[in-house]
Amino acid sequence: MFFFFVGGLEQQVRQVLKTGAGKCINCGSRADLVEYEKVLKLFFVPVLRWPGKEPLMHCPGCSLFFPPAAAPPPPPPPEPLLDVLRCSSCGQPVDSNFRFCPFCGSAL
């Protein structure tokens, strides 16, 4: 007698806790902190689900789950510009190397 079995165990995202919490260790794109669940499938039909133990990082681009300790920290927020050259016509901040405003075209 021959028996053919098709089944498997996979992880699925249950809830996103924090969007953009770090970077993926595989592809370098944005990764989210998520709660996950494990799913047992028989013949591609979910049969049993149970929650994961602790939150994991999940990359939506490459579908990788990894622990938060393995993720590099997110980049620091940009510092506010204190002494910035502004256009006299439109008030937009411009680079000090420009001779004309890239937003309105007036001479600086």
N, C-alpha and C. Protein backbone atom coordinates (compact mmCIF):
# COMPACT_ATOMS: atom_id res chain seq x y z
N MET A 1 0.84 -1.17 0.00
CA MET A 1 0.00 0.00 0.00
C MET A 1 0.89 1.24 0.00
N PHE A 2 0.51 2.21 -0.80
CA PHE A 2 1.28 3.43 -0.94
C PHE A 2 0.43 4.60 -0.46
N PHE A 3 1.00 5.46 0.41
CA PHE A 3 0.28 6.62 0.92
C PHE A 3 1.07 7.87 0.59
N PHE A 4 0.43 8.84 -0.01
CA PHE A 4 1.07 10.09 -0.39
C PHE A 4 0.58 11.18 0.55
N PHE A 5 1.51 11.88 1.23
CA PHE A 5 1.18 12.91 2.22
C PHE A 5 1.73 14.24 1.76
N VAL A 6 0.88 15.27 1.75
CA VAL A 6 1.31 16.62 1.43
C VAL A 6 0.89 17.51 2.60
N GLY A 7 1.85 18.10 3.24
CA GLY A 7 1.55 18.97 4.37
C GLY A 7 2.76 19.78 4.75
N GLY A 8 2.59 20.65 5.71
CA GLY A 8 3.72 21.45 6.13
C GLY A 8 3.36 22.38 7.26
N LEU A 9 4.39 23.00 7.80
CA LEU A 9 4.25 23.95 8.89
C LEU A 9 4.85 25.27 8.42
N GLU A 10 4.11 26.36 8.59
CA GLU A 10 4.64 27.66 8.18
C GLU A 10 4.26 28.72 9.20
N GLN A 11 4.94 29.86 9.15
CA GLN A 11 4.66 31.00 10.02
C GLN A 11 3.92 32.05 9.20
N GLN A 12 2.94 32.67 9.84
CA GLN A 12 2.18 33.74 9.20
C GLN A 12 2.07 34.93 10.15
N VAL A 13 2.02 36.13 9.59
CA VAL A 13 1.86 37.35 10.38
C VAL A 13 0.42 37.40 10.90
N ARG A 14 0.29 37.59 12.21
CA ARG A 14 -1.04 37.74 12.80
C ARG A 14 -1.38 39.21 12.99
N GLN A 15 -0.42 40.01 13.50
CA GLN A 15 -0.68 41.43 13.76
C GLN A 15 0.64 42.20 13.69
N VAL A 16 0.62 43.35 13.04
CA VAL A 16 1.79 44.22 12.97
C VAL A 16 1.80 45.09 14.22
N LEU A 17 2.88 45.01 15.01
CA LEU A 17 2.99 45.80 16.23
C LEU A 17 3.61 47.17 15.97
N LYS A 18 4.65 47.21 15.11
CA LYS A 18 5.33 48.47 14.81
C LYS A 18 5.86 48.40 13.37
N THR A 19 5.45 49.34 12.56
CA THR A 19 5.88 49.38 11.17
C THR A 19 7.25 50.04 11.07
N GLY A 20 8.13 49.47 10.26
CA GLY A 20 9.45 50.05 10.03
C GLY A 20 10.33 50.05 11.27
N ALA A 21 10.27 49.00 12.08
CA ALA A 21 11.03 48.95 13.33
C ALA A 21 12.51 48.66 13.12
N GLY A 22 12.89 48.21 11.95
CA GLY A 22 14.30 47.91 11.69
C GLY A 22 14.52 47.59 10.22
N LYS A 23 15.67 47.01 9.92
CA LYS A 23 16.01 46.64 8.55
C LYS A 23 16.16 45.13 8.46
N CYS A 24 15.83 44.58 7.32
CA CYS A 24 15.93 43.14 7.09
C CYS A 24 17.40 42.72 7.04
N ILE A 25 17.72 41.58 7.65
CA ILE A 25 19.09 41.09 7.63
C ILE A 25 19.41 40.39 6.32
N ASN A 26 18.38 40.10 5.52
CA ASN A 26 18.59 39.40 4.25
C ASN A 26 18.68 40.36 3.07
N CYS A 27 17.69 41.24 2.92
CA CYS A 27 17.65 42.11 1.74
C CYS A 27 17.89 43.59 2.06
N GLY A 28 17.87 43.98 3.34
CA GLY A 28 18.15 45.36 3.71
C GLY A 28 16.97 46.30 3.63
N SER A 29 15.78 45.80 3.30
CA SER A 29 14.62 46.68 3.23
C SER A 29 13.97 46.83 4.60
N ARG A 30 12.92 47.60 4.66
CA ARG A 30 12.21 47.88 5.91
C ARG A 30 11.60 46.61 6.48
N ALA A 31 11.71 46.40 7.79
CA ALA A 31 11.13 45.25 8.46
C ALA A 31 10.21 45.71 9.58
N ASP A 32 9.14 44.96 9.81
CA ASP A 32 8.14 45.30 10.81
C ASP A 32 8.24 44.36 12.01
N LEU A 33 7.90 44.87 13.18
CA LEU A 33 7.80 44.03 14.37
C LEU A 33 6.39 43.46 14.40
N VAL A 34 6.26 42.12 14.44
CA VAL A 34 4.96 41.48 14.30
C VAL A 34 4.75 40.39 15.34
N GLU A 35 3.47 40.13 15.62
CA GLU A 35 3.08 38.91 16.31
C GLU A 35 2.79 37.90 15.21
N TYR A 36 3.19 36.65 15.42
CA TYR A 36 3.03 35.66 14.37
C TYR A 36 2.32 34.44 14.93
N GLU A 37 1.88 33.59 14.02
CA GLU A 37 1.29 32.32 14.41
C GLU A 37 1.84 31.23 13.51
N LYS A 38 1.89 30.02 14.05
CA LYS A 38 2.34 28.87 13.28
C LYS A 38 1.10 28.16 12.77
N VAL A 39 1.16 27.68 11.53
CA VAL A 39 0.00 27.07 10.89
C VAL A 39 0.42 25.70 10.33
N LEU A 40 -0.32 24.68 10.74
CA LEU A 40 -0.12 23.34 10.19
C LEU A 40 -1.10 23.16 9.05
N LYS A 41 -0.58 22.79 7.88
CA LYS A 41 -1.42 22.63 6.69
C LYS A 41 -1.33 21.19 6.19
N LEU A 42 -2.47 20.62 5.86
CA LEU A 42 -2.54 19.32 5.22
C LEU A 42 -3.21 19.51 3.87
N PHE A 43 -2.52 19.10 2.83
CA PHE A 43 -3.00 19.27 1.46
C PHE A 43 -3.36 20.74 1.21
N PHE A 44 -2.52 21.66 1.71
CA PHE A 44 -2.61 23.11 1.51
C PHE A 44 -3.82 23.75 2.20
N VAL A 45 -4.46 23.03 3.13
CA VAL A 45 -5.59 23.56 3.88
C VAL A 45 -5.15 23.74 5.34
N PRO A 46 -5.32 24.95 5.92
CA PRO A 46 -4.94 25.14 7.32
C PRO A 46 -5.79 24.25 8.24
N VAL A 47 -5.11 23.47 9.08
CA VAL A 47 -5.79 22.55 9.97
C VAL A 47 -5.69 23.02 11.42
N LEU A 48 -4.52 23.52 11.82
CA LEU A 48 -4.29 23.90 13.20
C LEU A 48 -3.44 25.17 13.24
N ARG A 49 -3.83 26.11 14.10
CA ARG A 49 -3.07 27.36 14.29
C ARG A 49 -2.76 27.52 15.76
N TRP A 50 -1.56 28.03 16.07
CA TRP A 50 -1.22 28.38 17.45
C TRP A 50 -0.28 29.57 17.42
N PRO A 51 -0.38 30.46 18.45
CA PRO A 51 0.41 31.69 18.45
C PRO A 51 1.88 31.43 18.72
N GLY A 52 2.72 32.31 18.22
CA GLY A 52 4.15 32.25 18.48
C GLY A 52 4.44 32.71 19.90
N LYS A 53 5.65 32.44 20.37
CA LYS A 53 6.00 32.76 21.76
C LYS A 53 6.28 34.23 21.98
N GLU A 54 7.05 34.86 21.09
CA GLU A 54 7.44 36.25 21.28
C GLU A 54 7.41 36.96 19.94
N PRO A 55 7.29 38.28 19.93
CA PRO A 55 7.26 39.02 18.65
C PRO A 55 8.56 38.83 17.86
N LEU A 56 8.42 38.82 16.55
CA LEU A 56 9.56 38.69 15.64
C LEU A 56 9.54 39.85 14.66
N MET A 57 10.68 40.05 13.99
CA MET A 57 10.75 40.99 12.88
C MET A 57 10.36 40.23 11.62
N HIS A 58 9.63 40.91 10.73
CA HIS A 58 9.19 40.29 9.47
C HIS A 58 9.45 41.25 8.33
N CYS A 59 10.10 40.76 7.29
CA CYS A 59 10.35 41.56 6.09
C CYS A 59 9.27 41.23 5.07
N PRO A 60 8.42 42.19 4.68
CA PRO A 60 7.40 41.91 3.67
C PRO A 60 8.00 41.66 2.29
N GLY A 61 9.19 42.16 2.02
CA GLY A 61 9.81 42.00 0.71
C GLY A 61 10.27 40.58 0.44
N CYS A 62 10.96 39.97 1.41
CA CYS A 62 11.49 38.61 1.19
C CYS A 62 10.82 37.58 2.09
N SER A 63 9.80 37.99 2.88
CA SER A 63 9.02 37.11 3.76
C SER A 63 9.87 36.37 4.78
N LEU A 64 10.90 37.03 5.29
CA LEU A 64 11.78 36.42 6.28
C LEU A 64 11.34 36.83 7.68
N PHE A 65 11.30 35.86 8.60
CA PHE A 65 11.07 36.10 10.01
C PHE A 65 12.41 35.98 10.71
N PHE A 66 12.75 36.93 11.60
CA PHE A 66 14.00 36.86 12.34
C PHE A 66 13.83 37.57 13.68
N PRO A 67 14.66 37.22 14.68
CA PRO A 67 14.51 37.85 16.00
C PRO A 67 14.92 39.32 15.97
N PRO A 68 14.28 40.15 16.81
CA PRO A 68 14.62 41.58 16.83
C PRO A 68 16.08 41.87 17.19
N ALA A 69 16.70 40.98 17.97
CA ALA A 69 18.09 41.21 18.36
C ALA A 69 19.03 41.14 17.16
N ALA A 70 18.65 40.44 16.10
CA ALA A 70 19.50 40.31 14.92
C ALA A 70 19.39 41.50 13.98
N ALA A 71 18.36 42.31 14.15
CA ALA A 71 18.13 43.45 13.24
C ALA A 71 19.04 44.61 13.60
N PRO A 72 19.64 45.26 12.62
CA PRO A 72 20.39 46.49 12.92
C PRO A 72 19.42 47.57 13.36
N PRO A 73 19.86 48.49 14.19
CA PRO A 73 18.95 49.54 14.66
C PRO A 73 18.51 50.44 13.51
N PRO A 74 17.30 51.01 13.61
CA PRO A 74 16.85 51.92 12.56
C PRO A 74 17.73 53.17 12.54
N PRO A 75 17.83 53.84 11.40
CA PRO A 75 18.67 55.04 11.32
C PRO A 75 18.10 56.14 12.22
N PRO A 76 18.98 56.98 12.76
CA PRO A 76 18.49 58.07 13.62
C PRO A 76 17.70 59.08 12.80
N PRO A 77 16.78 59.78 13.43
CA PRO A 77 16.00 60.78 12.69
C PRO A 77 16.91 61.92 12.24
N PRO A 78 16.59 62.55 11.12
CA PRO A 78 17.43 63.65 10.65
C PRO A 78 17.39 64.81 11.63
N GLU A 79 18.54 65.45 11.79
CA GLU A 79 18.63 66.59 12.69
C GLU A 79 17.99 67.81 12.03
N PRO A 80 17.36 68.65 12.81
CA PRO A 80 16.74 69.85 12.22
C PRO A 80 17.80 70.81 11.70
N LEU A 81 17.47 71.45 10.60
CA LEU A 81 18.39 72.42 9.99
C LEU A 81 18.23 73.76 10.71
N LEU A 82 19.31 74.20 11.33
CA LEU A 82 19.24 75.43 12.11
C LEU A 82 19.55 76.65 11.26
N ASP A 83 20.70 76.66 10.61
CA ASP A 83 21.12 77.81 9.82
C ASP A 83 21.04 77.44 8.35
N VAL A 84 19.90 77.68 7.73
CA VAL A 84 19.63 77.26 6.36
C VAL A 84 19.39 78.49 5.50
N LEU A 85 19.95 78.47 4.30
CA LEU A 85 19.68 79.52 3.34
C LEU A 85 18.29 79.31 2.76
N ARG A 86 17.47 80.35 2.79
CA ARG A 86 16.11 80.24 2.28
C ARG A 86 15.91 81.23 1.13
N CYS A 87 15.06 80.83 0.20
CA CYS A 87 14.73 81.69 -0.93
C CYS A 87 13.92 82.88 -0.43
N SER A 88 14.24 84.07 -0.94
CA SER A 88 13.53 85.27 -0.50
C SER A 88 12.13 85.36 -1.11
N SER A 89 11.89 84.65 -2.21
CA SER A 89 10.57 84.71 -2.86
C SER A 89 9.59 83.69 -2.28
N CYS A 90 10.01 82.41 -2.21
CA CYS A 90 9.07 81.36 -1.79
C CYS A 90 9.33 80.84 -0.38
N GLY A 91 10.50 81.12 0.20
CA GLY A 91 10.80 80.69 1.56
C GLY A 91 11.27 79.26 1.70
N GLN A 92 11.48 78.57 0.61
CA GLN A 92 11.94 77.18 0.67
C GLN A 92 13.43 77.13 0.98
N PRO A 93 13.87 76.10 1.75
CA PRO A 93 15.32 75.96 2.01
C PRO A 93 16.05 75.51 0.75
N VAL A 94 17.18 76.15 0.46
CA VAL A 94 17.97 75.82 -0.73
C VAL A 94 19.43 75.64 -0.34
N ASP A 95 20.16 74.93 -1.16
CA ASP A 95 21.59 74.71 -0.95
C ASP A 95 22.35 76.02 -1.18
N SER A 96 23.39 76.22 -0.41
CA SER A 96 24.14 77.48 -0.52
C SER A 96 24.93 77.56 -1.83
N ASN A 97 25.11 76.45 -2.54
CA ASN A 97 25.84 76.44 -3.82
C ASN A 97 24.97 76.88 -4.99
N PHE A 98 23.64 76.92 -4.81
CA PHE A 98 22.73 77.28 -5.90
C PHE A 98 22.73 78.78 -6.12
N ARG A 99 22.58 79.18 -7.40
CA ARG A 99 22.46 80.60 -7.74
C ARG A 99 21.00 80.97 -7.98
N PHE A 100 20.17 79.95 -8.29
CA PHE A 100 18.75 80.16 -8.51
C PHE A 100 17.96 79.16 -7.67
N CYS A 101 16.78 79.55 -7.24
CA CYS A 101 15.93 78.68 -6.42
C CYS A 101 15.39 77.55 -7.29
N PRO A 102 15.56 76.27 -6.88
CA PRO A 102 15.04 75.15 -7.68
C PRO A 102 13.52 75.02 -7.59
N PHE A 103 12.87 75.75 -6.66
CA PHE A 103 11.42 75.65 -6.50
C PHE A 103 10.66 76.70 -7.30
N CYS A 104 11.15 77.97 -7.25
CA CYS A 104 10.42 79.03 -7.95
C CYS A 104 11.23 79.67 -9.08
N GLY A 105 12.55 79.43 -9.12
CA GLY A 105 13.37 79.93 -10.22
C GLY A 105 13.92 81.33 -10.03
N SER A 106 13.64 81.98 -8.90
CA SER A 106 14.14 83.34 -8.71
C SER A 106 15.61 83.31 -8.32
N ALA A 107 16.32 84.41 -8.60
CA ALA A 107 17.75 84.51 -8.28
C ALA A 107 17.94 84.63 -6.77
N LEU A 108 18.99 84.00 -6.27
CA LEU A 108 19.25 84.04 -4.83
C LEU A 108 20.19 85.15 -4.47
